[in-house]
């Protein structure tokens, strides 16, 4: 079949159009292939995964709770919102009235009602003070220096002492053995007077605040 001269331009135009379409298809195909390859390399289309989720990631605090008892009275630190209480029902110096040469004994038990062992356990004394007098008699001013105190880490007044001296000299905290949770320790306090005290010591009272402390 012979193409007439007037049909040659139209045929060439159709050929160019087909070539452009073919080139466009090739380009689009190449772009799609490139995108798919990139996605597969980045793992977006990967079916392989691995994961671990820890559902119990927690941290908690323990507790320090101290309890003191003398068998009849009990004081617990957590009975106060600050975990620190004043205990007026336990008198470790007994509160007894002594004669010269006399002594009195008191045993208390400390326990750890909390969930952790304290780093330190101390007994801290305040300064001893004296009060009282007998009418017509000038009182001595050194009664705290006349009262001797012995402290035993035991349920009886036996064995080595944690402290042995006068109330006036008892000014430094005692470092005690820390108590584990649910642990307890008895302490026995013995106060005594020398036998040679004169009348100027009548009617006197020695007072000294003692503070037990657990610290983490």
C-alpha atoms as a PDB file:
ATOM      1  CA  UNK A   1       0.000   0.000   0.000  1.00  0.00           C
ATOM      2  CA  UNK A   2       1.402   3.399  -1.033  1.00  0.00           C
ATOM      3  CA  UNK A   3       0.991   6.356   1.361  1.00  0.00           C
ATOM      4  CA  UNK A   4       0.038   9.498  -0.427  1.00  0.00           C
ATOM      5  CA  UNK A   5       2.203  12.535   0.194  1.00  0.00           C
ATOM      6  CA  UNK A   6      -0.591  14.373   2.022  1.00  0.00           C
ATOM      7  CA  UNK A   7      -0.944  11.532   4.589  1.00  0.00           C
ATOM      8  CA  UNK A   8       2.752  11.418   5.539  1.00  0.00           C
ATOM      9  CA  UNK A   9       2.663  14.211   8.204  1.00  0.00           C
ATOM     10  CA  UNK A  10      -0.387  12.684   9.924  1.00  0.00           C
ATOM     11  CA  UNK A  11       1.263   9.268  10.082  1.00  0.00           C
ATOM     12  CA  UNK A  12       4.410  10.768  11.529  1.00  0.00           C
ATOM     13  CA  UNK A  13       2.352  12.634  14.126  1.00  0.00           C
ATOM     14  CA  UNK A  14       0.611   9.431  15.217  1.00  0.00           C
ATOM     15  CA  UNK A  15       3.969   7.659  15.469  1.00  0.00           C
ATOM     16  CA  UNK A  16       5.410  10.412  17.626  1.00  0.00           C
ATOM     17  CA  UNK A  17       2.345  10.282  19.911  1.00  0.00           C
ATOM     18  CA  UNK A  18       2.728   6.532  20.331  1.00  0.00           C
ATOM     19  CA  UNK A  19       6.409   6.987  21.130  1.00  0.00           C
ATOM     20  CA  UNK A  20       5.640   9.621  23.768  1.00  0.00           C
ATOM     21  CA  UNK A  21       3.020   7.378  25.401  1.00  0.00           C
ATOM     22  CA  UNK A  22       5.419   4.460  25.416  1.00  0.00           C
ATOM     23  CA  UNK A  23       8.144   6.607  26.962  1.00  0.00           C
ATOM     24  CA  UNK A  24       5.717   7.925  29.616  1.00  0.00           C
ATOM     25  CA  UNK A  25       4.635   4.397  30.520  1.00  0.00           C
ATOM     26  CA  UNK A  26       8.271   3.347  30.856  1.00  0.00           C
ATOM     27  CA  UNK A  27       9.048   6.357  33.060  1.00  0.00           C
ATOM     28  CA  UNK A  28       6.011   5.792  35.300  1.00  0.00           C
ATOM     29  CA  UNK A  29       6.837   2.129  35.567  1.00  0.00           C
ATOM     30  CA  UNK A  30      10.376   2.979  36.607  1.00  0.00           C
ATOM     31  CA  UNK A  31       9.188   5.456  39.240  1.00  0.00           C
ATOM     32  CA  UNK A  32       6.737   2.968  40.728  1.00  0.00           C
ATOM     33  CA  UNK A  33       9.442   0.313  40.849  1.00  0.00           C
ATOM     34  CA  UNK A  34      11.829   2.716  42.555  1.00  0.00           C
ATOM     35  CA  UNK A  35       9.240   3.662  45.214  1.00  0.00           C
ATOM     36  CA  UNK A  36       8.404   0.022  45.926  1.00  0.00           C
ATOM     37  CA  UNK A  37      12.089  -0.823  46.228  1.00  0.00           C
ATOM     38  CA  UNK A  38      12.672   2.062  48.624  1.00  0.00           C
ATOM     39  CA  UNK A  39       9.723   1.043  50.773  1.00  0.00           C
ATOM     40  CA  UNK A  40      10.917  -2.532  50.964  1.00  0.00           C
ATOM     41  CA  UNK A  41      14.420  -1.433  51.963  1.00  0.00           C
ATOM     42  CA  UNK A  42      13.120   0.781  54.785  1.00  0.00           C
ATOM     43  CA  UNK A  43      11.031  -2.041  56.197  1.00  0.00           C
ATOM     44  CA  UNK A  44       7.698  -0.259  55.765  1.00  0.00           C
ATOM     45  CA  UNK A  45       6.300  -3.204  53.951  1.00  0.00           C
ATOM     46  CA  UNK A  46       8.204  -5.787  56.032  1.00  0.00           C
ATOM     47  CA  UNK A  47       6.134  -8.488  57.723  1.00  0.00           C
ATOM     48  CA  UNK A  48       8.887  -9.294  60.304  1.00  0.00           C
ATOM     49  CA  UNK A  49       8.484  -7.571  63.726  1.00  0.00           C
ATOM     50  CA  UNK A  50       9.549  -8.161  67.321  1.00  0.00           C
ATOM     51  CA  UNK A  51       8.455  -6.336  70.508  1.00  0.00           C
ATOM     52  CA  UNK A  52       8.649  -6.561  74.309  1.00  0.00           C
ATOM     53  CA  UNK A  53       6.339  -4.527  76.558  1.00  0.00           C
ATOM     54  CA  UNK A  54       7.186  -4.445  80.281  1.00  0.00           C
ATOM     55  CA  UNK A  55       3.868  -3.988  82.073  1.00  0.00           C
ATOM     56  CA  UNK A  56       5.193  -4.009  85.642  1.00  0.00           C
ATOM     57  CA  UNK A  57       7.697  -1.134  85.663  1.00  0.00           C
ATOM     58  CA  UNK A  58       7.242   0.294  89.178  1.00  0.00           C
ATOM     59  CA  UNK A  59       9.248   1.760  92.032  1.00  0.00           C
ATOM     60  CA  UNK A  60       8.047   2.004  95.636  1.00  0.00           C
ATOM     61  CA  UNK A  61       9.088   3.386  99.009  1.00  0.00           C
ATOM     62  CA  UNK A  62       9.482   1.421 102.210  1.00  0.00           C
ATOM     63  CA  UNK A  63       8.468   2.559 105.678  1.00  0.00           C
ATOM     64  CA  UNK A  64      10.130   3.202 109.032  1.00  0.00           C
ATOM     65  CA  UNK A  65       7.736   2.820 111.958  1.00  0.00           C
ATOM     66  CA  UNK A  66       8.995   2.605 115.546  1.00  0.00           C
ATOM     67  CA  UNK A  67       7.164   1.220 118.546  1.00  0.00           C
ATOM     68  CA  UNK A  68       8.132   1.404 122.228  1.00  0.00           C
ATOM     69  CA  UNK A  69       6.453  -0.521 125.027  1.00  0.00           C
ATOM     70  CA  UNK A  70       7.069  -1.089 128.717  1.00  0.00           C
ATOM     71  CA  UNK A  71       4.536  -3.898 128.972  1.00  0.00           C
ATOM     72  CA  UNK A  72       1.752  -1.623 130.161  1.00  0.00           C
ATOM     73  CA  UNK A  73       2.001   1.331 127.799  1.00  0.00           C
ATOM     74  CA  UNK A  74       2.806   1.495 124.095  1.00  0.00           C
ATOM     75  CA  UNK A  75       3.820   4.413 121.883  1.00  0.00           C
ATOM     76  CA  UNK A  76       3.977   4.129 118.077  1.00  0.00           C
ATOM     77  CA  UNK A  77       5.578   6.744 115.826  1.00  0.00           C
ATOM     78  CA  UNK A  78       2.917   6.412 113.114  1.00  0.00           C
ATOM     79  CA  UNK A  79       0.169   7.519 115.509  1.00  0.00           C
ATOM     80  CA  UNK A  80       1.200  11.025 114.436  1.00  0.00           C
ATOM     81  CA  UNK A  81       0.934  12.426 110.905  1.00  0.00           C
ATOM     82  CA  UNK A  82       4.646  13.298 111.095  1.00  0.00           C
ATOM     83  CA  UNK A  83       5.671   9.785 112.238  1.00  0.00           C
ATOM     84  CA  UNK A  84       7.140  11.378 115.374  1.00  0.00           C
ATOM     85  CA  UNK A  85       5.331  11.364 118.714  1.00  0.00           C
ATOM     86  CA  UNK A  86       5.867  12.539 122.269  1.00  0.00           C
ATOM     87  CA  UNK A  87       5.427   9.602 124.642  1.00  0.00           C
ATOM     88  CA  UNK A  88       4.483  10.721 128.156  1.00  0.00           C
ATOM     89  CA  UNK A  89       3.260   7.323 129.353  1.00  0.00           C
ATOM     90  CA  UNK A  90       6.686   5.625 129.457  1.00  0.00           C
ATOM     91  CA  UNK A  91       9.198   6.941 132.021  1.00  0.00           C
ATOM     92  CA  UNK A  92      12.550   5.270 131.444  1.00  0.00           C
ATOM     93  CA  UNK A  93      13.905   6.718 134.698  1.00  0.00           C
ATOM     94  CA  UNK A  94      10.883   5.141 136.471  1.00  0.00           C
ATOM     95  CA  UNK A  95       9.637   8.300 138.195  1.00  0.00           C
ATOM     96  CA  UNK A  96      10.226   6.605 141.540  1.00  0.00           C
ATOM     97  CA  UNK A  97      11.182   8.483 144.700  1.00  0.00           C
ATOM     98  CA  UNK A  98      14.637   7.299 145.785  1.00  0.00           C
ATOM     99  CA  UNK A  99      16.526   7.463 149.055  1.00  0.00           C
ATOM    100  CA  UNK A 100      20.330   7.917 149.172  1.00  0.00           C
ATOM    101  CA  UNK A 101      21.910   4.672 147.997  1.00  0.00           C
ATOM    102  CA  UNK A 102      18.681   3.571 146.295  1.00  0.00           C
ATOM    103  CA  UNK A 103      18.080   2.548 142.694  1.00  0.00           C
ATOM    104  CA  UNK A 104      15.206   1.896 140.289  1.00  0.00           C
ATOM    105  CA  UNK A 105      14.973  -0.190 137.117  1.00  0.00           C
ATOM    106  CA  UNK A 106      12.855   0.120 133.963  1.00  0.00           C
ATOM    107  CA  UNK A 107      12.838  -2.148 130.904  1.00  0.00           C
ATOM    108  CA  UNK A 108      11.375  -1.098 127.569  1.00  0.00           C
ATOM    109  CA  UNK A 109      11.247  -2.857 124.224  1.00  0.00           C
ATOM    110  CA  UNK A 110      11.783  -1.113 120.895  1.00  0.00           C
ATOM    111  CA  UNK A 111      10.530  -2.694 117.684  1.00  0.00           C
ATOM    112  CA  UNK A 112      10.585  -1.924 113.970  1.00  0.00           C
ATOM    113  CA  UNK A 113       7.013  -2.039 112.679  1.00  0.00           C
ATOM    114  CA  UNK A 114       8.036  -0.815 109.221  1.00  0.00           C
ATOM    115  CA  UNK A 115       9.175  -2.572 106.048  1.00  0.00           C
ATOM    116  CA  UNK A 116      12.853  -1.549 105.837  1.00  0.00           C
ATOM    117  CA  UNK A 117      15.911  -1.711 108.076  1.00  0.00           C
ATOM    118  CA  UNK A 118      17.066   1.760 109.179  1.00  0.00           C
ATOM    119  CA  UNK A 119      20.588   2.834 108.330  1.00  0.00           C
ATOM    120  CA  UNK A 120      21.026   4.152 111.873  1.00  0.00           C
ATOM    121  CA  UNK A 121      19.312   3.726 115.235  1.00  0.00           C
ATOM    122  CA  UNK A 122      20.134   6.212 117.981  1.00  0.00           C
ATOM    123  CA  UNK A 123      19.098   7.277 121.473  1.00  0.00           C
ATOM    124  CA  UNK A 124      19.647  10.999 121.901  1.00  0.00           C
ATOM    125  CA  UNK A 125      19.568  12.698 125.324  1.00  0.00           C
ATOM    126  CA  UNK A 126      18.548  16.267 125.992  1.00  0.00           C
ATOM    127  CA  UNK A 127      20.287  18.264 128.715  1.00  0.00           C
ATOM    128  CA  UNK A 128      19.359  17.114 132.214  1.00  0.00           C
ATOM    129  CA  UNK A 129      17.634  19.690 134.399  1.00  0.00           C
ATOM    130  CA  UNK A 130      16.640  19.707 138.063  1.00  0.00           C
ATOM    131  CA  UNK A 131      13.679  21.139 139.895  1.00  0.00           C
ATOM    132  CA  UNK A 132      12.093  21.093 143.345  1.00  0.00           C
ATOM    133  CA  UNK A 133      13.153  21.981 146.876  1.00  0.00           C
ATOM    134  CA  UNK A 134      12.163  21.602 150.506  1.00  0.00           C
ATOM    135  CA  UNK A 135      10.968  24.710 152.323  1.00  0.00           C
ATOM    136  CA  UNK A 136      13.671  26.165 154.531  1.00  0.00           C
ATOM    137  CA  UNK A 137      16.491  24.084 152.986  1.00  0.00           C
ATOM    138  CA  UNK A 138      18.790  25.489 150.337  1.00  0.00           C
ATOM    139  CA  UNK A 139      18.790  22.928 147.495  1.00  0.00           C
ATOM    140  CA  UNK A 140      21.962  21.594 145.943  1.00  0.00           C
ATOM    141  CA  UNK A 141      22.446  22.646 142.335  1.00  0.00           C
ATOM    142  CA  UNK A 142      24.167  19.536 140.985  1.00  0.00           C
ATOM    143  CA  UNK A 143      21.521  16.851 141.371  1.00  0.00           C
ATOM    144  CA  UNK A 144      21.879  15.712 137.709  1.00  0.00           C
ATOM    145  CA  UNK A 145      25.540  15.030 138.419  1.00  0.00           C
ATOM    146  CA  UNK A 146      24.587  12.842 141.393  1.00  0.00           C
ATOM    147  CA  UNK A 147      22.205  10.521 139.533  1.00  0.00           C
ATOM    148  CA  UNK A 148      23.957   7.586 137.871  1.00  0.00           C
ATOM    149  CA  UNK A 149      22.422   5.941 134.798  1.00  0.00           C
ATOM    150  CA  UNK A 150      23.228   2.539 133.344  1.00  0.00           C
ATOM    151  CA  UNK A 151      21.681   1.333 130.078  1.00  0.00           C
ATOM    152  CA  UNK A 152      21.787  -2.322 129.069  1.00  0.00           C
ATOM    153  CA  UNK A 153      20.798  -3.702 125.643  1.00  0.00           C
ATOM    154  CA  UNK A 154      19.010  -6.552 127.383  1.00  0.00           C
ATOM    155  CA  UNK A 155      15.804  -7.419 129.200  1.00  0.00           C
ATOM    156  CA  UNK A 156      17.690  -7.427 132.522  1.00  0.00           C
ATOM    157  CA  UNK A 157      20.466  -5.357 134.082  1.00  0.00           C
ATOM    158  CA  UNK A 158      23.182  -7.790 133.058  1.00  0.00           C
ATOM    159  CA  UNK A 159      26.015  -7.799 130.565  1.00  0.00           C
ATOM    160  CA  UNK A 160      27.849  -4.848 129.027  1.00  0.00           C
ATOM    161  CA  UNK A 161      26.361  -1.369 129.284  1.00  0.00           C
ATOM    162  CA  UNK A 162      25.520   0.947 126.405  1.00  0.00           C
ATOM    163  CA  UNK A 163      25.964   3.857 128.818  1.00  0.00           C
ATOM    164  CA  UNK A 164      27.321   4.115 132.361  1.00  0.00           C
ATOM    165  CA  UNK A 165      27.624   7.597 133.822  1.00  0.00           C
ATOM    166  CA  UNK A 166      25.722  10.492 135.356  1.00  0.00           C
ATOM    167  CA  UNK A 167      22.705  12.181 133.824  1.00  0.00           C
ATOM    168  CA  UNK A 168      24.716  15.396 133.590  1.00  0.00           C
ATOM    169  CA  UNK A 169      27.376  13.658 131.507  1.00  0.00           C
ATOM    170  CA  UNK A 170      24.857  11.955 129.230  1.00  0.00           C
ATOM    171  CA  UNK A 171      25.022  14.428 126.350  1.00  0.00           C
ATOM    172  CA  UNK A 172      26.046  12.378 123.297  1.00  0.00           C
ATOM    173  CA  UNK A 173      23.672  10.229 121.196  1.00  0.00           C
ATOM    174  CA  UNK A 174      24.114   6.487 121.582  1.00  0.00           C
ATOM    175  CA  UNK A 175      24.546   4.514 118.366  1.00  0.00           C
ATOM    176  CA  UNK A 176      22.503   1.314 118.675  1.00  0.00           C
ATOM    177  CA  UNK A 177      22.146  -1.815 116.553  1.00  0.00           C
ATOM    178  CA  UNK A 178      19.599  -1.205 113.784  1.00  0.00           C
ATOM    179  CA  UNK A 179      16.457  -3.324 113.879  1.00  0.00           C
ATOM    180  CA  UNK A 180      15.263  -5.263 110.836  1.00  0.00           C
ATOM    181  CA  UNK A 181      11.546  -5.211 109.950  1.00  0.00           C
ATOM    182  CA  UNK A 182       9.589  -7.019 112.694  1.00  0.00           C
ATOM    183  CA  UNK A 183      12.757  -7.021 114.826  1.00  0.00           C
ATOM    184  CA  UNK A 184      12.796  -5.933 118.472  1.00  0.00           C
ATOM    185  CA  UNK A 185      15.285  -5.199 121.237  1.00  0.00           C
ATOM    186  CA  UNK A 186      14.846  -4.776 124.986  1.00  0.00           C
ATOM    187  CA  UNK A 187      16.702  -2.007 126.851  1.00  0.00           C
ATOM    188  CA  UNK A 188      17.003  -1.813 130.628  1.00  0.00           C
ATOM    189  CA  UNK A 189      17.581   1.511 132.421  1.00  0.00           C
ATOM    190  CA  UNK A 190      18.910   1.636 135.986  1.00  0.00           C
ATOM    191  CA  UNK A 191      19.093   4.937 137.893  1.00  0.00           C
ATOM    192  CA  UNK A 192      20.781   5.163 141.291  1.00  0.00           C
ATOM    193  CA  UNK A 193      21.870   7.664 143.942  1.00  0.00           C
ATOM    194  CA  UNK A 194      25.064   7.668 146.011  1.00  0.00           C
ATOM    195  CA  UNK A 195      24.607   6.739 149.636  1.00  0.00           C
ATOM    196  CA  UNK A 196      26.229   9.870 151.035  1.00  0.00           C
ATOM    197  CA  UNK A 197      23.758  12.514 149.795  1.00  0.00           C
ATOM    198  CA  UNK A 198      22.936  15.197 152.382  1.00  0.00           C
ATOM    199  CA  UNK A 199      19.746  17.078 153.165  1.00  0.00           C
ATOM    200  CA  UNK A 200      20.320  19.634 150.410  1.00  0.00           C
ATOM    201  CA  UNK A 201      19.323  16.934 147.903  1.00  0.00           C
ATOM    202  CA  UNK A 202      15.906  16.303 149.437  1.00  0.00           C
ATOM    203  CA  UNK A 203      12.826  17.003 147.331  1.00  0.00           C
ATOM    204  CA  UNK A 204      14.709  17.320 144.043  1.00  0.00           C
ATOM    205  CA  UNK A 205      13.735  15.917 140.639  1.00  0.00           C
ATOM    206  CA  UNK A 206      16.045  15.279 137.692  1.00  0.00           C
ATOM    207  CA  UNK A 207      14.427  15.408 134.245  1.00  0.00           C
ATOM    208  CA  UNK A 208      15.922  14.410 130.910  1.00  0.00           C
ATOM    209  CA  UNK A 209      14.175  13.912 127.598  1.00  0.00           C
ATOM    210  CA  UNK A 210      15.325  10.889 125.567  1.00  0.00           C
ATOM    211  CA  UNK A 211      14.599  10.415 121.859  1.00  0.00           C
ATOM    212  CA  UNK A 212      14.796   7.147 119.926  1.00  0.00           C
ATOM    213  CA  UNK A 213      15.406   7.677 116.202  1.00  0.00           C
ATOM    214  CA  UNK A 214      15.388   5.446 113.117  1.00  0.00           C
ATOM    215  CA  UNK A 215      17.029   7.032 110.058  1.00  0.00           C
ATOM    216  CA  UNK A 216      17.194   5.660 106.531  1.00  0.00           C
END
